[in-house]
């Protein structure tokens, strides 16, 4: 059960990141409503999180993933 929960939260965080890159990035539906400085910082954090998921965070705990998702 713990492995399934970990996979689910990992997938949720990854899906959230890609969705935000899509809607907040260039030509995204929310892009025109965002302050460019805030948008750039947010998208940078999203990109770093995706890199973390496939790098250092690949074997991290459920709680770490949950905390990162909650932070967003």
C-alpha atoms as a PDB file:
ATOM      1  CA  UNK A   1       0.000   0.000   0.000  1.00  0.00           C
ATOM      2  CA  UNK A   2       2.814   2.439   0.797  1.00  0.00           C
ATOM      3  CA  UNK A   3       4.374   1.925  -2.628  1.00  0.00           C
ATOM      4  CA  UNK A   4       1.054   2.686  -4.310  1.00  0.00           C
ATOM      5  CA  UNK A   5       0.627   5.861  -2.258  1.00  0.00           C
ATOM      6  CA  UNK A   6       4.162   6.952  -3.089  1.00  0.00           C
ATOM      7  CA  UNK A   7       3.600   6.372  -6.806  1.00  0.00           C
ATOM      8  CA  UNK A   8       0.314   8.275  -6.640  1.00  0.00           C
ATOM      9  CA  UNK A   9       1.772  11.351  -4.910  1.00  0.00           C
ATOM     10  CA  UNK A  10       4.786  11.296  -7.225  1.00  0.00           C
ATOM     11  CA  UNK A  11       2.453  11.203 -10.219  1.00  0.00           C
ATOM     12  CA  UNK A  12       0.294  13.993  -8.762  1.00  0.00           C
ATOM     13  CA  UNK A  13       3.321  16.253  -8.285  1.00  0.00           C
ATOM     14  CA  UNK A  14       4.642  15.508 -11.758  1.00  0.00           C
ATOM     15  CA  UNK A  15       1.228  16.072 -13.369  1.00  0.00           C
ATOM     16  CA  UNK A  16       0.796  19.357 -11.488  1.00  0.00           C
ATOM     17  CA  UNK A  17       4.197  20.597 -12.655  1.00  0.00           C
ATOM     18  CA  UNK A  18       3.557  19.783 -16.296  1.00  0.00           C
ATOM     19  CA  UNK A  19       0.085  21.316 -16.156  1.00  0.00           C
ATOM     20  CA  UNK A  20       1.462  24.537 -14.687  1.00  0.00           C
ATOM     21  CA  UNK A  21       4.218  24.668 -17.326  1.00  0.00           C
ATOM     22  CA  UNK A  22       1.523  24.303 -19.960  1.00  0.00           C
ATOM     23  CA  UNK A  23      -0.983  26.872 -18.698  1.00  0.00           C
ATOM     24  CA  UNK A  24       1.494  29.432 -17.325  1.00  0.00           C
ATOM     25  CA  UNK A  25       4.176  29.209 -19.993  1.00  0.00           C
ATOM     26  CA  UNK A  26       4.294  30.921 -23.346  1.00  0.00           C
ATOM     27  CA  UNK A  27       0.930  30.762 -25.087  1.00  0.00           C
ATOM     28  CA  UNK A  28      -0.686  29.179 -22.027  1.00  0.00           C
ATOM     29  CA  UNK A  29      -4.198  30.158 -20.996  1.00  0.00           C
ATOM     30  CA  UNK A  30      -3.000  31.899 -17.810  1.00  0.00           C
ATOM     31  CA  UNK A  31       0.198  33.423 -19.176  1.00  0.00           C
ATOM     32  CA  UNK A  32      -1.349  36.800 -20.004  1.00  0.00           C
ATOM     33  CA  UNK A  33      -2.674  37.214 -16.446  1.00  0.00           C
ATOM     34  CA  UNK A  34       0.647  36.691 -14.685  1.00  0.00           C
ATOM     35  CA  UNK A  35       3.261  39.213 -13.685  1.00  0.00           C
ATOM     36  CA  UNK A  36       6.312  38.226 -15.782  1.00  0.00           C
ATOM     37  CA  UNK A  37       8.652  38.237 -12.768  1.00  0.00           C
ATOM     38  CA  UNK A  38       6.334  36.056 -10.708  1.00  0.00           C
ATOM     39  CA  UNK A  39       5.690  33.772 -13.670  1.00  0.00           C
ATOM     40  CA  UNK A  40       9.382  33.305 -14.398  1.00  0.00           C
ATOM     41  CA  UNK A  41      10.178  32.491 -10.760  1.00  0.00           C
ATOM     42  CA  UNK A  42       7.245  30.077 -10.507  1.00  0.00           C
ATOM     43  CA  UNK A  43       8.118  28.286 -13.740  1.00  0.00           C
ATOM     44  CA  UNK A  44      11.727  28.037 -12.596  1.00  0.00           C
ATOM     45  CA  UNK A  45      10.593  26.337  -9.373  1.00  0.00           C
ATOM     46  CA  UNK A  46       8.335  24.026 -11.365  1.00  0.00           C
ATOM     47  CA  UNK A  47      11.218  23.099 -13.669  1.00  0.00           C
ATOM     48  CA  UNK A  48      13.536  22.476 -10.727  1.00  0.00           C
ATOM     49  CA  UNK A  49      10.899  20.227  -9.160  1.00  0.00           C
ATOM     50  CA  UNK A  50      10.568  18.160 -12.339  1.00  0.00           C
ATOM     51  CA  UNK A  51      14.357  17.798 -12.458  1.00  0.00           C
ATOM     52  CA  UNK A  52      14.336  16.800  -8.778  1.00  0.00           C
ATOM     53  CA  UNK A  53      11.651  14.141  -9.373  1.00  0.00           C
ATOM     54  CA  UNK A  54      13.865  12.404 -11.937  1.00  0.00           C
ATOM     55  CA  UNK A  55      17.105  13.041 -10.055  1.00  0.00           C
ATOM     56  CA  UNK A  56      17.697  13.407  -6.340  1.00  0.00           C
ATOM     57  CA  UNK A  57      14.062  12.904  -5.404  1.00  0.00           C
ATOM     58  CA  UNK A  58      13.524   9.690  -7.302  1.00  0.00           C
ATOM     59  CA  UNK A  59      13.719   7.609  -4.127  1.00  0.00           C
ATOM     60  CA  UNK A  60      12.445  10.145  -1.616  1.00  0.00           C
ATOM     61  CA  UNK A  61       9.615   9.534   0.835  1.00  0.00           C
ATOM     62  CA  UNK A  62       5.900  10.114   0.495  1.00  0.00           C
ATOM     63  CA  UNK A  63       6.116  12.991   2.986  1.00  0.00           C
ATOM     64  CA  UNK A  64       8.741  14.835   0.943  1.00  0.00           C
ATOM     65  CA  UNK A  65       6.602  14.584  -2.179  1.00  0.00           C
ATOM     66  CA  UNK A  66       3.514  15.649  -0.263  1.00  0.00           C
ATOM     67  CA  UNK A  67       5.344  18.665   1.190  1.00  0.00           C
ATOM     68  CA  UNK A  68       6.512  19.770  -2.265  1.00  0.00           C
ATOM     69  CA  UNK A  69       3.016  19.454  -3.706  1.00  0.00           C
ATOM     70  CA  UNK A  70       1.518  21.353  -0.762  1.00  0.00           C
ATOM     71  CA  UNK A  71       4.114  24.115  -1.208  1.00  0.00           C
ATOM     72  CA  UNK A  72       2.746  24.815  -4.670  1.00  0.00           C
END
